[in-house]
Amino acid sequence: MVTLQLDRIGAGYGRHQILTDISSPMIQGGALTALVGANAAGKSTLFRRIAGHLRGAGTVSLSGATKDDLRYMPQDTGMSAALTVYESVILALKQGRGGWRLSTTELNAVDKALHRFGIAHLAEHQLAELSGGQRQSVSIAQTLVTQPKVVLMDEPTSALDLHRQFEVLEALKSYAQETGAVLILALHDLNQVMRCCTMTIAIANGRTLGAGSTLEVLTPTLIRALYGIDARVESCSRGCPMMIVDGPARQSA
C-alpha cells in the first residue's frame, strides 16, 4: 500500500515564501485526493515541493514508493514538439530509461494509456493539430504510461468539456483502484471533488485550512474562508452530495 503524508511543509521562491505550514493526514493509495484553494493559494508550489523540484521546510513522508515512482503533471506541459500523439507517449515512457527499442510490455503500456484516456483514435495525429482538451488528455496519458505510484496533477480537467471531464476522472479513479497509487488532483470544481475524491486538502495563504474526508472538509464555513462565497452542500435526487453556490459571502452587520 502506497501512502503519503505532509508535515509542516514550507516552500517559496527566493525570499518570497509561498507555503508556511501545510500538513495532511495519511493519504492512502487506491483513491483520488483533491487539493483545493483559490488562485495563487500555493497549490502548484506544493506540488513542486512534494515532487522535489523545490526545497523547503517540513517533511514529505512516502511509504511503498520512492521519488522515482512519482510523476507531476503541471498546468502547462508545453506541447510544441513535431511528434504524433503515439510518439509523444512513447517518449514519455522511454525518457530516462535509455534506448528506444520497445518491448512488447512497453508497447502494451502505450496502447493501454491511449485507450484508457480515450485518445487511441488520435494516435497518428500531430500534437500541433490537437485542441486544448485533446492535448490535456495526451498529457494525462503521458503522465500515467509508466504506471507511477504517486501522481500529482495540476488542474487536469481545466480544458475538457463536461463529457470528457467525467470520462477522465472515472479513468483516474479506475487507475488508482487498480494500482493502489496515490493520486492528488488540484481541482476548482467542488462538485467534481465531492463526486470523485475520497480526501480533500484545502489550503489558503500557504497554510492548511482543512484536510481529511471530503464531506467533512467542504463545509460552508470552510468554503467561505477559501473563496469568499456562501455555499451549501445538499443531496441531489439520487442522494449524491452537491455544492450549491448562493453568491458572494455577505458581510455581517
C-alpha atoms as a PDB file:
ATOM      1  CA  MET A   1       0.000   0.000   0.000  1.00  0.00           C
ATOM      2  CA  VAL A   2       1.359   3.406  -1.027  1.00  0.00           C
ATOM      3  CA  THR A   3       0.899   6.255   1.453  1.00  0.00           C
ATOM      4  CA  LEU A   4       1.945   9.885   1.546  1.00  0.00           C
ATOM      5  CA  GLN A   5       1.839  12.367   4.412  1.00  0.00           C
ATOM      6  CA  LEU A   6       2.758  16.039   4.692  1.00  0.00           C
ATOM      7  CA  ASP A   7       4.114  17.556   7.893  1.00  0.00           C
ATOM      8  CA  ARG A   8       4.518  21.327   8.229  1.00  0.00           C
ATOM      9  CA  ILE A   9       5.604  21.883   4.642  1.00  0.00           C
ATOM     10  CA  GLY A  10       7.104  25.231   3.728  1.00  0.00           C
ATOM     11  CA  ALA A  11       8.466  26.436   0.383  1.00  0.00           C
ATOM     12  CA  GLY A  12       8.939  29.524  -1.718  1.00  0.00           C
ATOM     13  CA  TYR A  13      10.974  31.266  -4.387  1.00  0.00           C
ATOM     14  CA  GLY A  14      13.991  33.166  -3.103  1.00  0.00           C
ATOM     15  CA  ARG A  15      12.838  35.415  -0.287  1.00  0.00           C
ATOM     16  CA  HIS A  16       9.191  35.062  -1.290  1.00  0.00           C
ATOM     17  CA  GLN A  17       7.681  32.424   0.988  1.00  0.00           C
ATOM     18  CA  ILE A  18       4.562  30.819  -0.538  1.00  0.00           C
ATOM     19  CA  LEU A  19       3.928  27.899   1.824  1.00  0.00           C
ATOM     20  CA  THR A  20       4.430  28.205   5.575  1.00  0.00           C
ATOM     21  CA  ASP A  21       2.541  25.342   7.218  1.00  0.00           C
ATOM     22  CA  ILE A  22       0.936  22.614   5.087  1.00  0.00           C
ATOM     23  CA  SER A  23       0.123  19.312   6.796  1.00  0.00           C
ATOM     24  CA  SER A  24      -2.154  16.401   5.991  1.00  0.00           C
ATOM     25  CA  PRO A  25      -3.329  13.121   7.463  1.00  0.00           C
ATOM     26  CA  MET A  26      -2.009   9.923   5.904  1.00  0.00           C
ATOM     27  CA  ILE A  27      -3.116   9.812   2.257  1.00  0.00           C
ATOM     28  CA  GLN A  28      -3.876   6.221   1.283  1.00  0.00           C
ATOM     29  CA  GLY A  29      -3.362   4.906  -2.236  1.00  0.00           C
ATOM     30  CA  GLY A  30      -6.254   3.478  -4.222  1.00  0.00           C
ATOM     31  CA  ALA A  31      -8.436   6.595  -4.328  1.00  0.00           C
ATOM     32  CA  LEU A  32      -8.356  10.205  -5.502  1.00  0.00           C
ATOM     33  CA  THR A  33      -7.390  13.075  -3.208  1.00  0.00           C
ATOM     34  CA  ALA A  34      -8.285  16.680  -4.063  1.00  0.00           C
ATOM     35  CA  LEU A  35      -6.166  19.762  -3.449  1.00  0.00           C
ATOM     36  CA  VAL A  36      -8.374  22.864  -3.378  1.00  0.00           C
ATOM     37  CA  GLY A  37      -7.840  26.566  -2.828  1.00  0.00           C
ATOM     38  CA  ALA A  38      -8.231  29.909  -4.538  1.00  0.00           C
ATOM     39  CA  ASN A  39      -5.936  31.074  -7.318  1.00  0.00           C
ATOM     40  CA  ALA A  40      -2.409  31.749  -6.002  1.00  0.00           C
ATOM     41  CA  ALA A  41      -3.101  29.787  -2.806  1.00  0.00           C
ATOM     42  CA  GLY A  42       0.076  27.762  -3.364  1.00  0.00           C
ATOM     43  CA  LYS A  43      -1.260  24.562  -4.940  1.00  0.00           C
ATOM     44  CA  SER A  44       1.323  24.430  -7.739  1.00  0.00           C
ATOM     45  CA  THR A  45       4.100  25.320  -5.305  1.00  0.00           C
ATOM     46  CA  LEU A  46       3.003  22.487  -3.019  1.00  0.00           C
ATOM     47  CA  PHE A  47       3.113  20.024  -5.914  1.00  0.00           C
ATOM     48  CA  ARG A  48       6.603  21.200  -6.844  1.00  0.00           C
ATOM     49  CA  ARG A  49       7.711  20.813  -3.228  1.00  0.00           C
ATOM     50  CA  ILE A  50       6.302  17.260  -2.998  1.00  0.00           C
ATOM     51  CA  ALA A  51       7.905  16.353  -6.336  1.00  0.00           C
ATOM     52  CA  GLY A  52      11.297  17.555  -5.118  1.00  0.00           C
ATOM     53  CA  HIS A  53      11.535  20.464  -7.558  1.00  0.00           C
ATOM     54  CA  LEU A  54      11.691  22.921  -4.655  1.00  0.00           C
ATOM     55  CA  ARG A  55      13.468  22.739  -1.344  1.00  0.00           C
ATOM     56  CA  GLY A  56      11.823  23.862   1.850  1.00  0.00           C
ATOM     57  CA  ALA A  57      10.843  23.158   5.413  1.00  0.00           C
ATOM     58  CA  GLY A  58       8.884  20.182   6.676  1.00  0.00           C
ATOM     59  CA  THR A  59       8.695  16.536   5.721  1.00  0.00           C
ATOM     60  CA  VAL A  60       7.110  14.624   2.840  1.00  0.00           C
ATOM     61  CA  SER A  61       6.743  11.043   4.114  1.00  0.00           C
ATOM     62  CA  LEU A  62       6.342   8.457   1.365  1.00  0.00           C
ATOM     63  CA  SER A  63       5.811   4.746   2.021  1.00  0.00           C
ATOM     64  CA  GLY A  64       5.525   1.937  -0.521  1.00  0.00           C
ATOM     65  CA  ALA A  65       7.147   4.014  -3.266  1.00  0.00           C
ATOM     66  CA  THR A  66      10.215   6.141  -3.998  1.00  0.00           C
ATOM     67  CA  LYS A  67      10.616   9.548  -5.636  1.00  0.00           C
ATOM     68  CA  ASP A  68      11.388   7.669  -8.879  1.00  0.00           C
ATOM     69  CA  ASP A  69       7.800   6.367  -8.761  1.00  0.00           C
ATOM     70  CA  LEU A  70       6.388   9.924  -8.692  1.00  0.00           C
ATOM     71  CA  ARG A  71       5.058  11.882 -11.673  1.00  0.00           C
ATOM     72  CA  TYR A  72       3.998  15.528 -11.686  1.00  0.00           C
ATOM     73  CA  MET A  73       1.768  16.983 -14.412  1.00  0.00           C
ATOM     74  CA  PRO A  74       1.866  20.816 -14.326  1.00  0.00           C
ATOM     75  CA  GLN A  75      -0.844  23.035 -15.790  1.00  0.00           C
ATOM     76  CA  ASP A  76       1.250  23.946 -18.826  1.00  0.00           C
ATOM     77  CA  THR A  77       3.009  20.945 -20.323  1.00  0.00           C
ATOM     78  CA  GLY A  78       4.356  22.865 -23.325  1.00  0.00           C
ATOM     79  CA  MET A  79       3.455  20.535 -26.212  1.00  0.00           C
ATOM     80  CA  SER A  80       5.322  22.096 -29.122  1.00  0.00           C
ATOM     81  CA  ALA A  81       7.327  19.142 -30.446  1.00  0.00           C
ATOM     82  CA  ALA A  82       6.744  17.904 -34.007  1.00  0.00           C
ATOM     83  CA  LEU A  83       5.527  14.499 -32.845  1.00  0.00           C
ATOM     84  CA  THR A  84       2.451  12.371 -33.222  1.00  0.00           C
ATOM     85  CA  VAL A  85       0.380  11.535 -30.160  1.00  0.00           C
ATOM     86  CA  TYR A  86       1.705   7.973 -30.243  1.00  0.00           C
ATOM     87  CA  GLU A  87       5.325   9.143 -30.474  1.00  0.00           C
ATOM     88  CA  SER A  88       4.856  11.589 -27.601  1.00  0.00           C
ATOM     89  CA  VAL A  89       3.523   8.885 -25.283  1.00  0.00           C
ATOM     90  CA  ILE A  90       6.429   6.603 -26.263  1.00  0.00           C
ATOM     91  CA  LEU A  91       8.812   9.474 -25.461  1.00  0.00           C
ATOM     92  CA  ALA A  92       7.221   9.858 -22.019  1.00  0.00           C
ATOM     93  CA  LEU A  93       7.589   6.121 -21.417  1.00  0.00           C
ATOM     94  CA  LYS A  94      11.232   5.889 -22.504  1.00  0.00           C
ATOM     95  CA  GLN A  95      12.524   9.142 -21.025  1.00  0.00           C
ATOM     96  CA  GLY A  96      15.409   8.374 -18.710  1.00  0.00           C
ATOM     97  CA  ARG A  97      15.300   4.648 -19.467  1.00  0.00           C
ATOM     98  CA  GLY A  98      17.896   4.589 -22.234  1.00  0.00           C
ATOM     99  CA  GLY A  99      17.433   3.203 -25.748  1.00  0.00           C
ATOM    100  CA  TRP A 100      14.382   3.451 -27.974  1.00  0.00           C
ATOM    101  CA  ARG A 101      13.625  -0.172 -28.763  1.00  0.00           C
ATOM    102  CA  LEU A 102      10.210  -1.051 -27.338  1.00  0.00           C
ATOM    103  CA  SER A 103       9.424  -4.365 -25.707  1.00  0.00           C
ATOM    104  CA  THR A 104       6.012  -5.979 -26.070  1.00  0.00           C
ATOM    105  CA  THR A 105       5.251  -4.915 -22.496  1.00  0.00           C
ATOM    106  CA  GLU A 106       6.101  -1.300 -23.300  1.00  0.00           C
ATOM    107  CA  LEU A 107       4.011  -1.314 -26.491  1.00  0.00           C
ATOM    108  CA  ASN A 108       1.089  -2.666 -24.487  1.00  0.00           C
ATOM    109  CA  ALA A 109       1.579   0.066 -21.875  1.00  0.00           C
ATOM    110  CA  VAL A 110       1.396   2.770 -24.557  1.00  0.00           C
ATOM    111  CA  ASP A 111      -1.725   1.252 -26.110  1.00  0.00           C
ATOM    112  CA  LYS A 112      -3.360   0.897 -22.687  1.00  0.00           C
ATOM    113  CA  ALA A 113      -2.697   4.541 -21.821  1.00  0.00           C
ATOM    114  CA  LEU A 114      -4.141   5.737 -25.138  1.00  0.00           C
ATOM    115  CA  HIS A 115      -7.276   3.639 -24.734  1.00  0.00           C
ATOM    116  CA  ARG A 116      -7.730   4.368 -21.018  1.00  0.00           C
ATOM    117  CA  PHE A 117      -7.970   8.090 -21.695  1.00  0.00           C
ATOM    118  CA  GLY A 118      -9.952   7.853 -24.919  1.00  0.00           C
ATOM    119  CA  ILE A 119      -7.311   9.114 -27.352  1.00  0.00           C
ATOM    120  CA  ALA A 120      -6.404   5.963 -29.302  1.00  0.00           C
ATOM    121  CA  HIS A 121      -8.136   7.424 -32.371  1.00  0.00           C
ATOM    122  CA  LEU A 122      -5.697  10.360 -32.227  1.00  0.00           C
ATOM    123  CA  ALA A 123      -2.569   8.192 -32.186  1.00  0.00           C
ATOM    124  CA  GLU A 124      -1.290   9.289 -35.620  1.00  0.00           C
ATOM    125  CA  HIS A 125      -2.286  12.943 -35.276  1.00  0.00           C
ATOM    126  CA  GLN A 126       0.386  15.596 -34.837  1.00  0.00           C
ATOM    127  CA  LEU A 127       0.347  17.347 -31.460  1.00  0.00           C
ATOM    128  CA  ALA A 128       0.041  20.690 -33.262  1.00  0.00           C
ATOM    129  CA  GLU A 129      -3.289  19.563 -34.764  1.00  0.00           C
ATOM    130  CA  LEU A 130      -4.953  18.933 -31.416  1.00  0.00           C
ATOM    131  CA  SER A 131      -7.404  21.047 -29.470  1.00  0.00           C
ATOM    132  CA  GLY A 132      -6.561  22.199 -25.959  1.00  0.00           C
ATOM    133  CA  GLY A 133      -8.708  19.481 -24.434  1.00  0.00           C
ATOM    134  CA  GLN A 134      -7.135  16.792 -26.595  1.00  0.00           C
ATOM    135  CA  ARG A 135      -3.659  17.975 -25.605  1.00  0.00           C
ATOM    136  CA  GLN A 136      -4.631  17.788 -21.962  1.00  0.00           C
ATOM    137  CA  SER A 137      -5.787  14.193 -22.432  1.00  0.00           C
ATOM    138  CA  VAL A 138      -2.444  13.385 -24.076  1.00  0.00           C
ATOM    139  CA  SER A 139      -0.608  14.939 -21.127  1.00  0.00           C
ATOM    140  CA  ILE A 140      -2.522  12.693 -18.745  1.00  0.00           C
ATOM    141  CA  ALA A 141      -1.673   9.608 -20.817  1.00  0.00           C
ATOM    142  CA  GLN A 142       1.995  10.656 -20.860  1.00  0.00           C
ATOM    143  CA  THR A 143       1.955  11.067 -17.080  1.00  0.00           C
ATOM    144  CA  LEU A 144       0.484   7.629 -16.383  1.00  0.00           C
ATOM    145  CA  VAL A 145       2.083   5.497 -19.108  1.00  0.00           C
ATOM    146  CA  THR A 146       4.921   4.471 -16.758  1.00  0.00           C
ATOM    147  CA  GLN A 147       2.344   3.403 -14.138  1.00  0.00           C
ATOM    148  CA  PRO A 148       3.678   5.672 -11.374  1.00  0.00           C
ATOM    149  CA  LYS A 149       2.715   5.031  -7.759  1.00  0.00           C
ATOM    150  CA  VAL A 150       2.388   8.715  -6.832  1.00  0.00           C
ATOM    151  CA  VAL A 151       0.742  11.159  -9.252  1.00  0.00           C
ATOM    152  CA  LEU A 152       0.352  14.928  -8.817  1.00  0.00           C
ATOM    153  CA  MET A 153      -1.920  16.621 -11.376  1.00  0.00           C
ATOM    154  CA  ASP A 154      -2.407  20.374 -11.555  1.00  0.00           C
ATOM    155  CA  GLU A 155      -5.933  21.075 -12.862  1.00  0.00           C
ATOM    156  CA  PRO A 156      -6.113  18.011 -15.147  1.00  0.00           C
ATOM    157  CA  THR A 157      -9.676  18.770 -16.330  1.00  0.00           C
ATOM    158  CA  SER A 158      -9.402  22.530 -16.928  1.00  0.00           C
ATOM    159  CA  ALA A 159      -9.503  22.261 -20.752  1.00  0.00           C
ATOM    160  CA  LEU A 160     -12.003  19.395 -21.010  1.00  0.00           C
ATOM    161  CA  ASP A 161     -15.682  19.566 -21.912  1.00  0.00           C
ATOM    162  CA  LEU A 162     -18.231  18.201 -19.447  1.00  0.00           C
ATOM    163  CA  HIS A 163     -18.388  14.730 -21.014  1.00  0.00           C
ATOM    164  CA  ARG A 164     -14.606  14.380 -21.143  1.00  0.00           C
ATOM    165  CA  GLN A 165     -14.265  15.616 -17.558  1.00  0.00           C
ATOM    166  CA  PHE A 166     -16.480  12.758 -16.418  1.00  0.00           C
ATOM    167  CA  GLU A 167     -14.631  10.186 -18.549  1.00  0.00           C
ATOM    168  CA  VAL A 168     -11.163  11.283 -17.463  1.00  0.00           C
ATOM    169  CA  LEU A 169     -11.986  11.464 -13.755  1.00  0.00           C
ATOM    170  CA  GLU A 170     -13.547   7.997 -13.896  1.00  0.00           C
ATOM    171  CA  ALA A 171     -10.423   6.712 -15.677  1.00  0.00           C
ATOM    172  CA  LEU A 172      -8.209   8.263 -12.992  1.00  0.00           C
ATOM    173  CA  LYS A 173     -10.325   6.669 -10.255  1.00  0.00           C
ATOM    174  CA  SER A 174     -10.020   3.327 -12.028  1.00  0.00           C
ATOM    175  CA  TYR A 175      -6.234   3.727 -12.309  1.00  0.00           C
ATOM    176  CA  ALA A 176      -5.929   4.481  -8.593  1.00  0.00           C
ATOM    177  CA  GLN A 177      -8.069   1.481  -7.653  1.00  0.00           C
ATOM    178  CA  GLU A 178      -6.219  -0.915  -9.977  1.00  0.00           C
ATOM    179  CA  THR A 179      -2.701   0.148  -8.989  1.00  0.00           C
ATOM    180  CA  GLY A 180      -3.110   1.316  -5.389  1.00  0.00           C
ATOM    181  CA  ALA A 181      -1.412   4.574  -6.378  1.00  0.00           C
ATOM    182  CA  VAL A 182      -1.744   7.901  -4.582  1.00  0.00           C
ATOM    183  CA  LEU A 183      -3.322  10.469  -6.934  1.00  0.00           C
ATOM    184  CA  ILE A 184      -3.627  14.094  -5.816  1.00  0.00           C
ATOM    185  CA  LEU A 185      -5.523  16.420  -8.166  1.00  0.00           C
ATOM    186  CA  ALA A 186      -5.720  20.208  -7.933  1.00  0.00           C
ATOM    187  CA  LEU A 187      -9.340  20.968  -8.854  1.00  0.00           C
ATOM    188  CA  HIS A 188     -11.592  24.040  -8.817  1.00  0.00           C
ATOM    189  CA  ASP A 189     -14.950  22.323  -9.437  1.00  0.00           C
ATOM    190  CA  LEU A 190     -16.074  21.311  -5.951  1.00  0.00           C
ATOM    191  CA  ASN A 191     -18.864  19.134  -7.322  1.00  0.00           C
ATOM    192  CA  GLN A 192     -16.204  17.094  -9.122  1.00  0.00           C
ATOM    193  CA  VAL A 193     -14.314  16.902  -5.842  1.00  0.00           C
ATOM    194  CA  MET A 194     -17.335  15.623  -3.910  1.00  0.00           C
ATOM    195  CA  ARG A 195     -18.197  13.075  -6.576  1.00  0.00           C
ATOM    196  CA  CYS A 196     -14.718  11.660  -7.164  1.00  0.00           C
ATOM    197  CA  CYS A 197     -12.356  12.398  -4.279  1.00  0.00           C
ATOM    198  CA  THR A 198     -12.286  10.495  -1.008  1.00  0.00           C
ATOM    199  CA  MET A 199      -9.995  13.014   0.720  1.00  0.00           C
ATOM    200  CA  THR A 200      -9.521  16.756   0.331  1.00  0.00           C
ATOM    201  CA  ILE A 201      -6.725  19.116   1.369  1.00  0.00           C
ATOM    202  CA  ALA A 202      -7.812  22.774   1.467  1.00  0.00           C
ATOM    203  CA  ILE A 203      -5.145  25.488   1.576  1.00  0.00           C
ATOM    204  CA  ALA A 204      -5.138  29.282   1.822  1.00  0.00           C
ATOM    205  CA  ASN A 205      -2.335  31.784   2.312  1.00  0.00           C
ATOM    206  CA  GLY A 206       0.239  28.995   2.458  1.00  0.00           C
ATOM    207  CA  ARG A 207      -1.475  27.114   5.278  1.00  0.00           C
ATOM    208  CA  THR A 208      -3.788  24.135   5.629  1.00  0.00           C
ATOM    209  CA  LEU A 209      -7.378  25.156   6.407  1.00  0.00           C
ATOM    210  CA  GLY A 210      -8.735  21.617   6.364  1.00  0.00           C
ATOM    211  CA  ALA A 211      -7.630  18.101   5.494  1.00  0.00           C
ATOM    212  CA  GLY A 212      -9.455  14.805   5.735  1.00  0.00           C
ATOM    213  CA  SER A 213     -12.658  13.226   4.444  1.00  0.00           C
ATOM    214  CA  THR A 214     -14.043  15.363   1.613  1.00  0.00           C
ATOM    215  CA  LEU A 215     -17.528  15.831   3.055  1.00  0.00           C
ATOM    216  CA  GLU A 216     -16.082  16.712   6.454  1.00  0.00           C
ATOM    217  CA  VAL A 217     -13.698  19.273   4.963  1.00  0.00           C
ATOM    218  CA  LEU A 218     -16.009  21.029   2.480  1.00  0.00           C
ATOM    219  CA  THR A 219     -18.270  22.796   4.958  1.00  0.00           C
ATOM    220  CA  PRO A 220     -19.989  26.160   4.340  1.00  0.00           C
ATOM    221  CA  THR A 221     -17.602  27.777   6.832  1.00  0.00           C
ATOM    222  CA  LEU A 222     -14.513  26.495   5.028  1.00  0.00           C
ATOM    223  CA  ILE A 223     -15.876  27.391   1.573  1.00  0.00           C
ATOM    224  CA  ARG A 224     -16.482  30.932   2.764  1.00  0.00           C
ATOM    225  CA  ALA A 225     -12.921  31.138   4.130  1.00  0.00           C
ATOM    226  CA  LEU A 226     -11.413  29.688   0.927  1.00  0.00           C
ATOM    227  CA  TYR A 227     -13.350  31.533  -1.754  1.00  0.00           C
ATOM    228  CA  GLY A 228     -15.369  34.314  -0.108  1.00  0.00           C
ATOM    229  CA  ILE A 229     -18.672  32.791  -1.214  1.00  0.00           C
ATOM    230  CA  ASP A 230     -21.740  31.479   0.564  1.00  0.00           C
ATOM    231  CA  ALA A 231     -22.407  27.866  -0.407  1.00  0.00           C
ATOM    232  CA  ARG A 232     -24.086  24.782   0.995  1.00  0.00           C
ATOM    233  CA  VAL A 233     -23.942  21.051   0.438  1.00  0.00           C
ATOM    234  CA  GLU A 234     -27.245  19.324  -0.304  1.00  0.00           C
ATOM    235  CA  SER A 235     -28.283  15.948  -1.699  1.00  0.00           C
ATOM    236  CA  CYS A 236     -29.469  15.665  -5.282  1.00  0.00           C
ATOM    237  CA  SER A 237     -32.412  13.475  -6.321  1.00  0.00           C
ATOM    238  CA  ARG A 238     -30.049  10.487  -6.484  1.00  0.00           C
ATOM    239  CA  GLY A 239     -28.804  11.080  -2.963  1.00  0.00           C
ATOM    240  CA  CYS A 240     -25.385  12.371  -4.031  1.00  0.00           C
ATOM    241  CA  PRO A 241     -23.911  15.453  -2.335  1.00  0.00           C
ATOM    242  CA  MET A 242     -23.676  18.596  -4.437  1.00  0.00           C
ATOM    243  CA  MET A 243     -22.414  22.107  -3.817  1.00  0.00           C
ATOM    244  CA  ILE A 244     -24.907  24.929  -4.320  1.00  0.00           C
ATOM    245  CA  VAL A 245     -23.419  28.415  -4.527  1.00  0.00           C
ATOM    246  CA  ASP A 246     -25.653  31.221  -3.239  1.00  0.00           C
ATOM    247  CA  GLY A 247     -23.318  34.086  -4.114  1.00  0.00           C
ATOM    248  CA  PRO A 248     -20.561  36.256  -2.677  1.00  0.00           C
ATOM    249  CA  ALA A 249     -20.290  35.998   1.085  1.00  0.00           C
ATOM    250  CA  ARG A 250     -22.462  38.564   2.833  1.00  0.00           C
ATOM    251  CA  GLN A 251     -20.772  40.787   5.358  1.00  0.00           C
ATOM    252  CA  SER A 252     -22.006  40.529   8.913  1.00  0.00           C
ATOM    253  CA  ALA A 253     -23.876  43.592  10.083  1.00  0.00           C
END
